[in-house]
Amino acid sequence: MKKTKREKLEAAGWAVGSVKEFLGLSEADTVLIEMKLALSRSLRDRRKKYGLSQVQLAERLHSSQSRVAKMEAGDPSVSMDLLVSSLLLLGASSADLANAIRGAKKRTGPRAA
């Protein structure tokens, strides 16, 4: 959120905080969610890079289009291992997975000790 918007909200009496604070998430929960979202974005980007529709990817995964949509949206019902195995099926290397996760870490900032 932009600083000016935050200041206006606070001046109007609103409490402004993060999603982490609002939901009471631990640092570990926050990092896991960011990692999962990064893998979801990576799956969507890789699917588009290869010119595949969600239906086509679903066929390769022996799954459904709605499941692929949930995977790309980071739906809580989708496991990390399904995201990883789907990325590997699309040719992602372990370095590609590490880079996606590394990107999530940059967005969340350094972890508290």
PDB file of N, CA and C in Angstrom:
ATOM      1  N   MET A   1       0.846  -1.168   0.000  1.00  0.00           N
ATOM      2  CA  MET A   1       0.000   0.000   0.000  1.00  0.00           C
ATOM      3  C   MET A   1       0.895   1.236   0.000  1.00  0.00           C
ATOM      4  N   LYS A   2       0.471   2.226  -0.753  1.00  0.00           N
ATOM      5  CA  LYS A   2       1.236   3.465  -0.807  1.00  0.00           C
ATOM      6  C   LYS A   2       1.170   4.179   0.538  1.00  0.00           C
ATOM      7  N   LYS A   3       2.268   4.858   0.855  1.00  0.00           N
ATOM      8  CA  LYS A   3       2.381   5.544   2.137  1.00  0.00           C
ATOM      9  C   LYS A   3       1.273   6.577   2.321  1.00  0.00           C
ATOM     10  N   THR A   4       0.957   7.319   1.274  1.00  0.00           N
ATOM     11  CA  THR A   4      -0.076   8.359   1.387  1.00  0.00           C
ATOM     12  C   THR A   4      -1.448   7.757   1.685  1.00  0.00           C
ATOM     13  N   LYS A   5      -1.747   6.644   1.054  1.00  0.00           N
ATOM     14  CA  LYS A   5      -3.036   5.987   1.305  1.00  0.00           C
ATOM     15  C   LYS A   5      -3.091   5.468   2.736  1.00  0.00           C
ATOM     16  N   ARG A   6      -1.982   4.880   3.188  1.00  0.00           N
ATOM     17  CA  ARG A   6      -1.904   4.362   4.553  1.00  0.00           C
ATOM     18  C   ARG A   6      -2.131   5.496   5.556  1.00  0.00           C
ATOM     19  N   GLU A   7      -1.473   6.630   5.324  1.00  0.00           N
ATOM     20  CA  GLU A   7      -1.604   7.775   6.228  1.00  0.00           C
ATOM     21  C   GLU A   7      -3.033   8.304   6.259  1.00  0.00           C
ATOM     22  N   LYS A   8      -3.690   8.356   5.098  1.00  0.00           N
ATOM     23  CA  LYS A   8      -5.079   8.815   5.042  1.00  0.00           C
ATOM     24  C   LYS A   8      -5.993   7.884   5.829  1.00  0.00           C
ATOM     25  N   LEU A   9      -5.792   6.586   5.673  1.00  0.00           N
ATOM     26  CA  LEU A   9      -6.616   5.620   6.400  1.00  0.00           C
ATOM     27  C   LEU A   9      -6.400   5.733   7.904  1.00  0.00           C
ATOM     28  N   GLU A  10      -5.140   5.851   8.306  1.00  0.00           N
ATOM     29  CA  GLU A  10      -4.835   5.969   9.732  1.00  0.00           C
ATOM     30  C   GLU A  10      -5.402   7.266  10.302  1.00  0.00           C
ATOM     31  N   ALA A  11      -5.333   8.355   9.529  1.00  0.00           N
ATOM     32  CA  ALA A  11      -5.882   9.641   9.973  1.00  0.00           C
ATOM     33  C   ALA A  11      -7.396   9.566  10.144  1.00  0.00           C
ATOM     34  N   ALA A  12      -8.034   8.699   9.357  1.00  0.00           N
ATOM     35  CA  ALA A  12      -9.485   8.520   9.451  1.00  0.00           C
ATOM     36  C   ALA A  12      -9.875   7.545  10.560  1.00  0.00           C
ATOM     37  N   GLY A  13      -8.875   7.045  11.285  1.00  0.00           N
ATOM     38  CA  GLY A  13      -9.159   6.157  12.409  1.00  0.00           C
ATOM     39  C   GLY A  13      -9.089   4.670  12.106  1.00  0.00           C
ATOM     40  N   TRP A  14      -8.666   4.317  10.905  1.00  0.00           N
ATOM     41  CA  TRP A  14      -8.556   2.906  10.535  1.00  0.00           C
ATOM     42  C   TRP A  14      -7.228   2.336  11.018  1.00  0.00           C
ATOM     43  N   ALA A  15      -7.256   1.090  11.440  1.00  0.00           N
ATOM     44  CA  ALA A  15      -6.027   0.371  11.773  1.00  0.00           C
ATOM     45  C   ALA A  15      -5.531  -0.287  10.491  1.00  0.00           C
ATOM     46  N   VAL A  16      -4.279  -0.079  10.185  1.00  0.00           N
ATOM     47  CA  VAL A  16      -3.703  -0.630   8.960  1.00  0.00           C
ATOM     48  C   VAL A  16      -2.618  -1.623   9.352  1.00  0.00           C
ATOM     49  N   GLY A  17      -2.713  -2.821   8.805  1.00  0.00           N
ATOM     50  CA  GLY A  17      -1.726  -3.849   9.098  1.00  0.00           C
ATOM     51  C   GLY A  17      -1.544  -4.756   7.906  1.00  0.00           C
ATOM     52  N   SER A  18      -0.827  -5.819   8.125  1.00  0.00           N
ATOM     53  CA  SER A  18      -0.558  -6.770   7.046  1.00  0.00           C
ATOM     54  C   SER A  18      -1.535  -7.940   7.119  1.00  0.00           C
ATOM     55  N   VAL A  19      -1.572  -8.700   6.055  1.00  0.00           N
ATOM     56  CA  VAL A  19      -2.389  -9.916   6.034  1.00  0.00           C
ATOM     57  C   VAL A  19      -1.895 -10.863   7.119  1.00  0.00           C
ATOM     58  N   LYS A  20      -0.581 -10.935   7.268  1.00  0.00           N
ATOM     59  CA  LYS A  20       0.027 -11.794   8.286  1.00  0.00           C
ATOM     60  C   LYS A  20      -0.510 -11.435   9.671  1.00  0.00           C
ATOM     61  N   GLU A  21      -0.552 -10.145   9.977  1.00  0.00           N
ATOM     62  CA  GLU A  21      -1.050  -9.699  11.279  1.00  0.00           C
ATOM     63  C   GLU A  21      -2.542  -9.986  11.419  1.00  0.00           C
ATOM     64  N   PHE A  22      -3.304  -9.690  10.371  1.00  0.00           N
ATOM     65  CA  PHE A  22      -4.753  -9.876  10.409  1.00  0.00           C
ATOM     66  C   PHE A  22      -5.122 -11.338  10.639  1.00  0.00           C
ATOM     67  N   LEU A  23      -4.432 -12.236   9.950  1.00  0.00           N
ATOM     68  CA  LEU A  23      -4.747 -13.664  10.064  1.00  0.00           C
ATOM     69  C   LEU A  23      -4.001 -14.352  11.196  1.00  0.00           C
ATOM     70  N   GLY A  24      -3.064 -13.652  11.811  1.00  0.00           N
ATOM     71  CA  GLY A  24      -2.286 -14.246  12.895  1.00  0.00           C
ATOM     72  C   GLY A  24      -1.364 -15.351  12.420  1.00  0.00           C
ATOM     73  N   LEU A  25      -0.785 -15.172  11.243  1.00  0.00           N
ATOM     74  CA  LEU A  25       0.102 -16.189  10.679  1.00  0.00           C
ATOM     75  C   LEU A  25       1.485 -16.127  11.310  1.00  0.00           C
ATOM     76  N   SER A  26       2.078 -17.286  11.485  1.00  0.00           N
ATOM     77  CA  SER A  26       3.465 -17.333  11.940  1.00  0.00           C
ATOM     78  C   SER A  26       4.373 -16.996  10.764  1.00  0.00           C
ATOM     79  N   GLU A  27       5.629 -16.729  11.057  1.00  0.00           N
ATOM     80  CA  GLU A  27       6.598 -16.457   9.993  1.00  0.00           C
ATOM     81  C   GLU A  27       6.708 -17.666   9.061  1.00  0.00           C
ATOM     82  N   ALA A  28       6.700 -18.866   9.629  1.00  0.00           N
ATOM     83  CA  ALA A  28       6.801 -20.085   8.814  1.00  0.00           C
ATOM     84  C   ALA A  28       5.590 -20.228   7.890  1.00  0.00           C
ATOM     85  N   ASP A  29       4.393 -19.954   8.416  1.00  0.00           N
ATOM     86  CA  ASP A  29       3.187 -20.025   7.584  1.00  0.00           C
ATOM     87  C   ASP A  29       3.264 -19.035   6.429  1.00  0.00           C
ATOM     88  N   THR A  30       3.722 -17.835   6.725  1.00  0.00           N
ATOM     89  CA  THR A  30       3.835 -16.797   5.703  1.00  0.00           C
ATOM     90  C   THR A  30       4.796 -17.223   4.602  1.00  0.00           C
ATOM     91  N   VAL A  31       5.934 -17.769   4.987  1.00  0.00           N
ATOM     92  CA  VAL A  31       6.934 -18.204   4.006  1.00  0.00           C
ATOM     93  C   VAL A  31       6.385 -19.351   3.159  1.00  0.00           C
ATOM     94  N   LEU A  32       5.718 -20.316   3.780  1.00  0.00           N
ATOM     95  CA  LEU A  32       5.145 -21.439   3.026  1.00  0.00           C
ATOM     96  C   LEU A  32       4.098 -20.967   2.020  1.00  0.00           C
ATOM     97  N   ILE A  33       3.269 -20.035   2.422  1.00  0.00           N
ATOM     98  CA  ILE A  33       2.253 -19.504   1.506  1.00  0.00           C
ATOM     99  C   ILE A  33       2.918 -18.800   0.336  1.00  0.00           C
ATOM    100  N   GLU A  34       3.930 -17.990   0.613  1.00  0.00           N
ATOM    101  CA  GLU A  34       4.641 -17.292  -0.462  1.00  0.00           C
ATOM    102  C   GLU A  34       5.329 -18.275  -1.405  1.00  0.00           C
ATOM    103  N   MET A  35       5.895 -19.345  -0.850  1.00  0.00           N
ATOM    104  CA  MET A  35       6.537 -20.358  -1.693  1.00  0.00           C
ATOM    105  C   MET A  35       5.511 -21.023  -2.603  1.00  0.00           C
ATOM    106  N   LYS A  36       4.371 -21.365  -2.037  1.00  0.00           N
ATOM    107  CA  LYS A  36       3.322 -22.025  -2.821  1.00  0.00           C
ATOM    108  C   LYS A  36       2.821 -21.106  -3.927  1.00  0.00           C
ATOM    109  N   LEU A  37       2.626 -19.834  -3.609  1.00  0.00           N
ATOM    110  CA  LEU A  37       2.179 -18.880  -4.622  1.00  0.00           C
ATOM    111  C   LEU A  37       3.229 -18.696  -5.711  1.00  0.00           C
ATOM    112  N   ALA A  38       4.504 -18.716  -5.323  1.00  0.00           N
ATOM    113  CA  ALA A  38       5.578 -18.589  -6.317  1.00  0.00           C
ATOM    114  C   ALA A  38       5.585 -19.789  -7.256  1.00  0.00           C
ATOM    115  N   LEU A  39       5.388 -20.985  -6.720  1.00  0.00           N
ATOM    116  CA  LEU A  39       5.334 -22.183  -7.562  1.00  0.00           C
ATOM    117  C   LEU A  39       4.099 -22.147  -8.465  1.00  0.00           C
ATOM    118  N   SER A  40       2.994 -21.630  -7.948  1.00  0.00           N
ATOM    119  CA  SER A  40       1.774 -21.495  -8.758  1.00  0.00           C
ATOM    120  C   SER A  40       1.999 -20.540  -9.925  1.00  0.00           C
ATOM    121  N   ARG A  41       2.633 -19.399  -9.642  1.00  0.00           N
ATOM    122  CA  ARG A  41       2.945 -18.436 -10.713  1.00  0.00           C
ATOM    123  C   ARG A  41       3.885 -19.058 -11.734  1.00  0.00           C
ATOM    124  N   SER A  42       4.858 -19.806 -11.242  1.00  0.00           N
ATOM    125  CA  SER A  42       5.820 -20.453 -12.126  1.00  0.00           C
ATOM    126  C   SER A  42       5.129 -21.462 -13.043  1.00  0.00           C
ATOM    127  N   LEU A  43       4.181 -22.213 -12.504  1.00  0.00           N
ATOM    128  CA  LEU A  43       3.429 -23.179 -13.309  1.00  0.00           C
ATOM    129  C   LEU A  43       2.641 -22.460 -14.402  1.00  0.00           C
ATOM    130  N   ARG A  44       1.938 -21.402 -14.035  1.00  0.00           N
ATOM    131  CA  ARG A  44       1.168 -20.636 -15.020  1.00  0.00           C
ATOM    132  C   ARG A  44       2.088 -20.060 -16.102  1.00  0.00           C
ATOM    133  N   ASP A  45       3.209 -19.470 -15.672  1.00  0.00           N
ATOM    134  CA  ASP A  45       4.142 -18.870 -16.630  1.00  0.00           C
ATOM    135  C   ASP A  45       4.725 -19.915 -17.576  1.00  0.00           C
ATOM    136  N   ARG A  46       5.072 -21.073 -17.035  1.00  0.00           N
ATOM    137  CA  ARG A  46       5.655 -22.139 -17.856  1.00  0.00           C
ATOM    138  C   ARG A  46       4.611 -22.700 -18.823  1.00  0.00           C
ATOM    139  N   ARG A  47       3.373 -22.854 -18.359  1.00  0.00           N
ATOM    140  CA  ARG A  47       2.298 -23.330 -19.245  1.00  0.00           C
ATOM    141  C   ARG A  47       2.113 -22.366 -20.410  1.00  0.00           C
ATOM    142  N   LYS A  48       2.071 -21.085 -20.108  1.00  0.00           N
ATOM    143  CA  LYS A  48       1.891 -20.080 -21.157  1.00  0.00           C
ATOM    144  C   LYS A  48       3.100 -20.027 -22.089  1.00  0.00           C
ATOM    145  N   LYS A  49       4.290 -20.189 -21.525  1.00  0.00           N
ATOM    146  CA  LYS A  49       5.517 -20.179 -22.333  1.00  0.00           C
ATOM    147  C   LYS A  49       5.461 -21.256 -23.413  1.00  0.00           C
ATOM    148  N   TYR A  50       4.905 -22.400 -23.068  1.00  0.00           N
ATOM    149  CA  TYR A  50       4.805 -23.506 -24.021  1.00  0.00           C
ATOM    150  C   TYR A  50       3.518 -23.458 -24.842  1.00  0.00           C
ATOM    151  N   GLY A  51       2.725 -22.409 -24.655  1.00  0.00           N
ATOM    152  CA  GLY A  51       1.516 -22.234 -25.452  1.00  0.00           C
ATOM    153  C   GLY A  51       0.432 -23.251 -25.160  1.00  0.00           C
ATOM    154  N   LEU A  52       0.392 -23.738 -23.936  1.00  0.00           N
ATOM    155  CA  LEU A  52      -0.613 -24.731 -23.556  1.00  0.00           C
ATOM    156  C   LEU A  52      -1.806 -24.055 -22.896  1.00  0.00           C
ATOM    157  N   SER A  53      -2.978 -24.560 -23.178  1.00  0.00           N
ATOM    158  CA  SER A  53      -4.168 -24.119 -22.447  1.00  0.00           C
ATOM    159  C   SER A  53      -4.222 -24.906 -21.137  1.00  0.00           C
ATOM    160  N   GLN A  54      -5.084 -24.474 -20.243  1.00  0.00           N
ATOM    161  CA  GLN A  54      -5.263 -25.237 -19.007  1.00  0.00           C
ATOM    162  C   GLN A  54      -5.782 -26.637 -19.307  1.00  0.00           C
ATOM    163  N   VAL A  55      -6.617 -26.760 -20.305  1.00  0.00           N
ATOM    164  CA  VAL A  55      -7.157 -28.068 -20.691  1.00  0.00           C
ATOM    165  C   VAL A  55      -6.029 -28.976 -21.176  1.00  0.00           C
ATOM    166  N   GLN A  56      -5.146 -28.444 -22.017  1.00  0.00           N
ATOM    167  CA  GLN A  56      -4.035 -29.241 -22.538  1.00  0.00           C
ATOM    168  C   GLN A  56      -3.094 -29.682 -21.420  1.00  0.00           C
ATOM    169  N   LEU A  57      -2.806 -28.768 -20.489  1.00  0.00           N
ATOM    170  CA  LEU A  57      -1.954 -29.150 -19.364  1.00  0.00           C
ATOM    171  C   LEU A  57      -2.652 -30.205 -18.518  1.00  0.00           C
ATOM    172  N   ALA A  58      -3.945 -30.038 -18.303  1.00  0.00           N
ATOM    173  CA  ALA A  58      -4.706 -31.017 -17.521  1.00  0.00           C
ATOM    174  C   ALA A  58      -4.616 -32.404 -18.147  1.00  0.00           C
ATOM    175  N   GLU A  59      -4.692 -32.470 -19.474  1.00  0.00           N
ATOM    176  CA  GLU A  59      -4.580 -33.763 -20.157  1.00  0.00           C
ATOM    177  C   GLU A  59      -3.216 -34.391 -19.901  1.00  0.00           C
ATOM    178  N   ARG A  60      -2.164 -33.591 -19.953  1.00  0.00           N
ATOM    179  CA  ARG A  60      -0.817 -34.117 -19.688  1.00  0.00           C
ATOM    180  C   ARG A  60      -0.674 -34.607 -18.251  1.00  0.00           C
ATOM    181  N   LEU A  61      -1.380 -33.936 -17.346  1.00  0.00           N
ATOM    182  CA  LEU A  61      -1.298 -34.298 -15.929  1.00  0.00           C
ATOM    183  C   LEU A  61      -2.309 -35.375 -15.536  1.00  0.00           C
ATOM    184  N   HIS A  62      -3.152 -35.791 -16.504  1.00  0.00           N
ATOM    185  CA  HIS A  62      -4.252 -36.724 -16.223  1.00  0.00           C
ATOM    186  C   HIS A  62      -5.142 -36.152 -15.124  1.00  0.00           C
ATOM    187  N   SER A  63      -5.493 -34.891 -15.312  1.00  0.00           N
ATOM    188  CA  SER A  63      -6.298 -34.170 -14.338  1.00  0.00           C
ATOM    189  C   SER A  63      -7.385 -33.396 -15.078  1.00  0.00           C
ATOM    190  N   SER A  64      -7.947 -32.399 -14.429  1.00  0.00           N
ATOM    191  CA  SER A  64      -9.011 -31.595 -15.040  1.00  0.00           C
ATOM    192  C   SER A  64      -8.569 -30.142 -15.165  1.00  0.00           C
ATOM    193  N   GLN A  65      -9.257 -29.421 -16.044  1.00  0.00           N
ATOM    194  CA  GLN A  65      -8.959 -27.997 -16.226  1.00  0.00           C
ATOM    195  C   GLN A  65      -9.186 -27.237 -14.925  1.00  0.00           C
ATOM    196  N   SER A  66     -10.232 -27.583 -14.203  1.00  0.00           N
ATOM    197  CA  SER A  66     -10.514 -26.865 -12.959  1.00  0.00           C
ATOM    198  C   SER A  66      -9.405 -27.082 -11.929  1.00  0.00           C
ATOM    199  N   ARG A  67      -8.810 -28.268 -11.955  1.00  0.00           N
ATOM    200  CA  ARG A  67      -7.689 -28.541 -11.038  1.00  0.00           C
ATOM    201  C   ARG A  67      -6.481 -27.693 -11.413  1.00  0.00           C
ATOM    202  N   VAL A  68      -6.206 -27.574 -12.702  1.00  0.00           N
ATOM    203  CA  VAL A  68      -5.095 -26.733 -13.153  1.00  0.00           C
ATOM    204  C   VAL A  68      -5.352 -25.284 -12.747  1.00  0.00           C
ATOM    205  N   ALA A  69      -6.587 -24.825 -12.893  1.00  0.00           N
ATOM    206  CA  ALA A  69      -6.931 -23.457 -12.485  1.00  0.00           C
ATOM    207  C   ALA A  69      -6.671 -23.260 -10.995  1.00  0.00           C
ATOM    208  N   LYS A  70      -7.031 -24.255 -10.192  1.00  0.00           N
ATOM    209  CA  LYS A  70      -6.774 -24.175  -8.752  1.00  0.00           C
ATOM    210  C   LYS A  70      -5.277 -24.172  -8.467  1.00  0.00           C
ATOM    211  N   MET A  71      -4.528 -24.968  -9.213  1.00  0.00           N
ATOM    212  CA  MET A  71      -3.077 -25.003  -9.029  1.00  0.00           C
ATOM    213  C   MET A  71      -2.470 -23.637  -9.321  1.00  0.00           C
ATOM    214  N   GLU A  72      -2.910 -23.023 -10.400  1.00  0.00           N
ATOM    215  CA  GLU A  72      -2.367 -21.727 -10.796  1.00  0.00           C
ATOM    216  C   GLU A  72      -2.806 -20.607  -9.857  1.00  0.00           C
ATOM    217  N   ALA A  73      -3.915 -20.790  -9.180  1.00  0.00           N
ATOM    218  CA  ALA A  73      -4.421 -19.781  -8.246  1.00  0.00           C
ATOM    219  C   ALA A  73      -3.858 -19.959  -6.839  1.00  0.00           C
ATOM    220  N   GLY A  74      -3.111 -21.040  -6.613  1.00  0.00           N
ATOM    221  CA  GLY A  74      -2.565 -21.289  -5.284  1.00  0.00           C
ATOM    222  C   GLY A  74      -3.625 -21.718  -4.289  1.00  0.00           C
ATOM    223  N   ASP A  75      -4.654 -22.384  -4.783  1.00  0.00           N
ATOM    224  CA  ASP A  75      -5.748 -22.846  -3.933  1.00  0.00           C
ATOM    225  C   ASP A  75      -5.209 -23.724  -2.804  1.00  0.00           C
ATOM    226  N   PRO A  76      -5.742 -23.558  -1.586  1.00  0.00           N
ATOM    227  CA  PRO A  76      -5.263 -24.352  -0.450  1.00  0.00           C
ATOM    228  C   PRO A  76      -5.431 -25.858  -0.615  1.00  0.00           C
ATOM    229  N   SER A  77      -6.343 -26.293  -1.482  1.00  0.00           N
ATOM    230  CA  SER A  77      -6.557 -27.731  -1.667  1.00  0.00           C
ATOM    231  C   SER A  77      -5.448 -28.373  -2.503  1.00  0.00           C
ATOM    232  N   VAL A  78      -4.594 -27.556  -3.104  1.00  0.00           N
ATOM    233  CA  VAL A  78      -3.515 -28.067  -3.961  1.00  0.00           C
ATOM    234  C   VAL A  78      -2.250 -28.227  -3.124  1.00  0.00           C
ATOM    235  N   SER A  79      -1.658 -29.405  -3.178  1.00  0.00           N
ATOM    236  CA  SER A  79      -0.445 -29.660  -2.402  1.00  0.00           C
ATOM    237  C   SER A  79       0.792 -29.133  -3.126  1.00  0.00           C
ATOM    238  N   MET A  80       1.821 -28.860  -2.328  1.00  0.00           N
ATOM    239  CA  MET A  80       3.093 -28.398  -2.898  1.00  0.00           C
ATOM    240  C   MET A  80       3.686 -29.484  -3.795  1.00  0.00           C
ATOM    241  N   ASP A  81       3.540 -30.759  -3.403  1.00  0.00           N
ATOM    242  CA  ASP A  81       4.135 -31.817  -4.224  1.00  0.00           C
ATOM    243  C   ASP A  81       3.458 -31.916  -5.585  1.00  0.00           C
ATOM    244  N   LEU A  82       2.164 -31.614  -5.672  1.00  0.00           N
ATOM    245  CA  LEU A  82       1.487 -31.601  -6.968  1.00  0.00           C
ATOM    246  C   LEU A  82       2.020 -30.461  -7.837  1.00  0.00           C
ATOM    247  N   LEU A  83       2.242 -29.303  -7.233  1.00  0.00           N
ATOM    248  CA  LEU A  83       2.815 -28.181  -7.981  1.00  0.00           C
ATOM    249  C   LEU A  83       4.208 -28.528  -8.494  1.00  0.00           C
ATOM    250  N   VAL A  84       5.030 -29.089  -7.616  1.00  0.00           N
ATOM    251  CA  VAL A  84       6.403 -29.435  -7.998  1.00  0.00           C
ATOM    252  C   VAL A  84       6.407 -30.501  -9.088  1.00  0.00           C
ATOM    253  N   SER A  85       5.615 -31.558  -8.924  1.00  0.00           N
ATOM    254  CA  SER A  85       5.611 -32.622  -9.933  1.00  0.00           C
ATOM    255  C   SER A  85       5.078 -32.113 -11.271  1.00  0.00           C
ATOM    256  N   SER A  86       4.125 -31.190 -11.240  1.00  0.00           N
ATOM    257  CA  SER A  86       3.602 -30.606 -12.482  1.00  0.00           C
ATOM    258  C   SER A  86       4.659 -29.755 -13.170  1.00  0.00           C
ATOM    259  N   LEU A  87       5.401 -28.990 -12.394  1.00  0.00           N
ATOM    260  CA  LEU A  87       6.485 -28.189 -12.966  1.00  0.00           C
ATOM    261  C   LEU A  87       7.563 -29.084 -13.569  1.00  0.00           C
ATOM    262  N   LEU A  88       7.886 -30.168 -12.886  1.00  0.00           N
ATOM    263  CA  LEU A  88       8.888 -31.100 -13.413  1.00  0.00           C
ATOM    264  C   LEU A  88       8.407 -31.730 -14.714  1.00  0.00           C
ATOM    265  N   LEU A  89       7.119 -32.055 -14.786  1.00  0.00           N
ATOM    266  CA  LEU A  89       6.554 -32.622 -16.009  1.00  0.00           C
ATOM    267  C   LEU A  89       6.683 -31.641 -17.176  1.00  0.00           C
ATOM    268  N   LEU A  90       6.633 -30.344 -16.870  1.00  0.00           N
ATOM    269  CA  LEU A  90       6.777 -29.316 -17.901  1.00  0.00           C
ATOM    270  C   LEU A  90       8.240 -28.967 -18.172  1.00  0.00           C
ATOM    271  N   GLY A  91       9.146 -29.755 -17.609  1.00  0.00           N
ATOM    272  CA  GLY A  91      10.560 -29.568 -17.921  1.00  0.00           C
ATOM    273  C   GLY A  91      11.332 -28.669 -16.986  1.00  0.00           C
ATOM    274  N   ALA A  92      10.727 -28.262 -15.887  1.00  0.00           N
ATOM    275  CA  ALA A  92      11.448 -27.422 -14.930  1.00  0.00           C
ATOM    276  C   ALA A  92      12.555 -28.239 -14.273  1.00  0.00           C
ATOM    277  N   SER A  93      13.675 -27.599 -14.047  1.00  0.00           N
ATOM    278  CA  SER A  93      14.791 -28.238 -13.346  1.00  0.00           C
ATOM    279  C   SER A  93      14.721 -27.877 -11.864  1.00  0.00           C
ATOM    280  N   SER A  94      15.541 -28.539 -11.072  1.00  0.00           N
ATOM    281  CA  SER A  94      15.590 -28.186  -9.653  1.00  0.00           C
ATOM    282  C   SER A  94      16.056 -26.743  -9.487  1.00  0.00           C
ATOM    283  N   ALA A  95      16.922 -26.280 -10.381  1.00  0.00           N
ATOM    284  CA  ALA A  95      17.369 -24.880 -10.336  1.00  0.00           C
ATOM    285  C   ALA A  95      16.204 -23.933 -10.632  1.00  0.00           C
ATOM    286  N   ASP A  96      15.331 -24.310 -11.568  1.00  0.00           N
ATOM    287  CA  ASP A  96      14.150 -23.493 -11.869  1.00  0.00           C
ATOM    288  C   ASP A  96      13.240 -23.389 -10.644  1.00  0.00           C
ATOM    289  N   LEU A  97      13.057 -24.513  -9.963  1.00  0.00           N
ATOM    290  CA  LEU A  97      12.223 -24.517  -8.759  1.00  0.00           C
ATOM    291  C   LEU A  97      12.851 -23.648  -7.675  1.00  0.00           C
ATOM    292  N   ALA A  98      14.163 -23.777  -7.512  1.00  0.00           N
ATOM    293  CA  ALA A  98      14.868 -22.969  -6.512  1.00  0.00           C
ATOM    294  C   ALA A  98      14.749 -21.485  -6.831  1.00  0.00           C
ATOM    295  N   ASN A  99      14.851 -21.138  -8.107  1.00  0.00           N
ATOM    296  CA  ASN A  99      14.725 -19.731  -8.498  1.00  0.00           C
ATOM    297  C   ASN A  99      13.328 -19.194  -8.206  1.00  0.00           C
ATOM    298  N   ALA A 100      12.315 -20.001  -8.443  1.00  0.00           N
ATOM    299  CA  ALA A 100      10.941 -19.576  -8.146  1.00  0.00           C
ATOM    300  C   ALA A 100      10.778 -19.339  -6.650  1.00  0.00           C
ATOM    301  N   ILE A 101      11.296 -20.262  -5.857  1.00  0.00           N
ATOM    302  CA  ILE A 101      11.192 -20.134  -4.401  1.00  0.00           C
ATOM    303  C   ILE A 101      12.034 -18.965  -3.909  1.00  0.00           C
ATOM    304  N   ARG A 102      13.194 -18.787  -4.493  1.00  0.00           N
ATOM    305  CA  ARG A 102      14.063 -17.670  -4.122  1.00  0.00           C
ATOM    306  C   ARG A 102      13.342 -16.349  -4.367  1.00  0.00           C
ATOM    307  N   GLY A 103      12.589 -16.274  -5.453  1.00  0.00           N
ATOM    308  CA  GLY A 103      11.809 -15.075  -5.744  1.00  0.00           C
ATOM    309  C   GLY A 103      10.769 -14.803  -4.677  1.00  0.00           C
ATOM    310  N   ALA A 104      10.170 -15.860  -4.131  1.00  0.00           N
ATOM    311  CA  ALA A 104       9.184 -15.692  -3.062  1.00  0.00           C
ATOM    312  C   ALA A 104       9.851 -15.149  -1.817  1.00  0.00           C
ATOM    313  N   LYS A 105      11.049 -15.621  -1.525  1.00  0.00           N
ATOM    314  CA  LYS A 105      11.776 -15.169  -0.340  1.00  0.00           C
ATOM    315  C   LYS A 105      12.098 -13.684  -0.449  1.00  0.00           C
ATOM    316  N   LYS A 106      12.444 -13.229  -1.654  1.00  0.00           N
ATOM    317  CA  LYS A 106      12.746 -11.809  -1.853  1.00  0.00           C
ATOM    318  C   LYS A 106      11.520 -10.954  -1.584  1.00  0.00           C
ATOM    319  N   ARG A 107      10.331 -11.445  -1.962  1.00  0.00           N
ATOM    320  CA  ARG A 107       9.111 -10.676  -1.753  1.00  0.00           C
ATOM    321  C   ARG A 107       8.724 -10.609  -0.281  1.00  0.00           C
ATOM    322  N   THR A 108       9.039 -11.641   0.483  1.00  0.00           N
ATOM    323  CA  THR A 108       8.653 -11.644   1.892  1.00  0.00           C
ATOM    324  C   THR A 108       9.710 -10.994   2.760  1.00  0.00           C
ATOM    325  N   GLY A 109      10.903 -10.803   2.231  1.00  0.00           N
ATOM    326  CA  GLY A 109      11.969 -10.168   2.996  1.00  0.00           C
ATOM    327  C   GLY A 109      12.703 -11.163   3.862  1.00  0.00           C
ATOM    328  N   PRO A 110      13.681 -10.670   4.622  1.00  0.00           N
ATOM    329  CA  PRO A 110      14.472 -11.568   5.466  1.00  0.00           C
ATOM    330  C   PRO A 110      13.624 -12.141   6.594  1.00  0.00           C
ATOM    331  N   ARG A 111      13.941 -13.362   6.959  1.00  0.00           N
ATOM    332  CA  ARG A 111      13.211 -14.024   8.036  1.00  0.00           C
ATOM    333  C   ARG A 111      13.774 -13.601   9.376  1.00  0.00           C
ATOM    334  N   ALA A 112      12.890 -13.468  10.330  1.00  0.00           N
ATOM    335  CA  ALA A 112      13.322 -13.124  11.685  1.00  0.00           C
ATOM    336  C   ALA A 112      13.955 -14.341  12.330  1.00  0.00           C
ATOM    337  N   ALA A 113      14.985 -14.105  13.092  1.00  0.00           N
ATOM    338  CA  ALA A 113      15.689 -15.211  13.760  1.00  0.00           C
ATOM    339  C   ALA A 113      15.007 -15.575  15.047  1.00  0.00           C
TER     340      ALA A 113
END
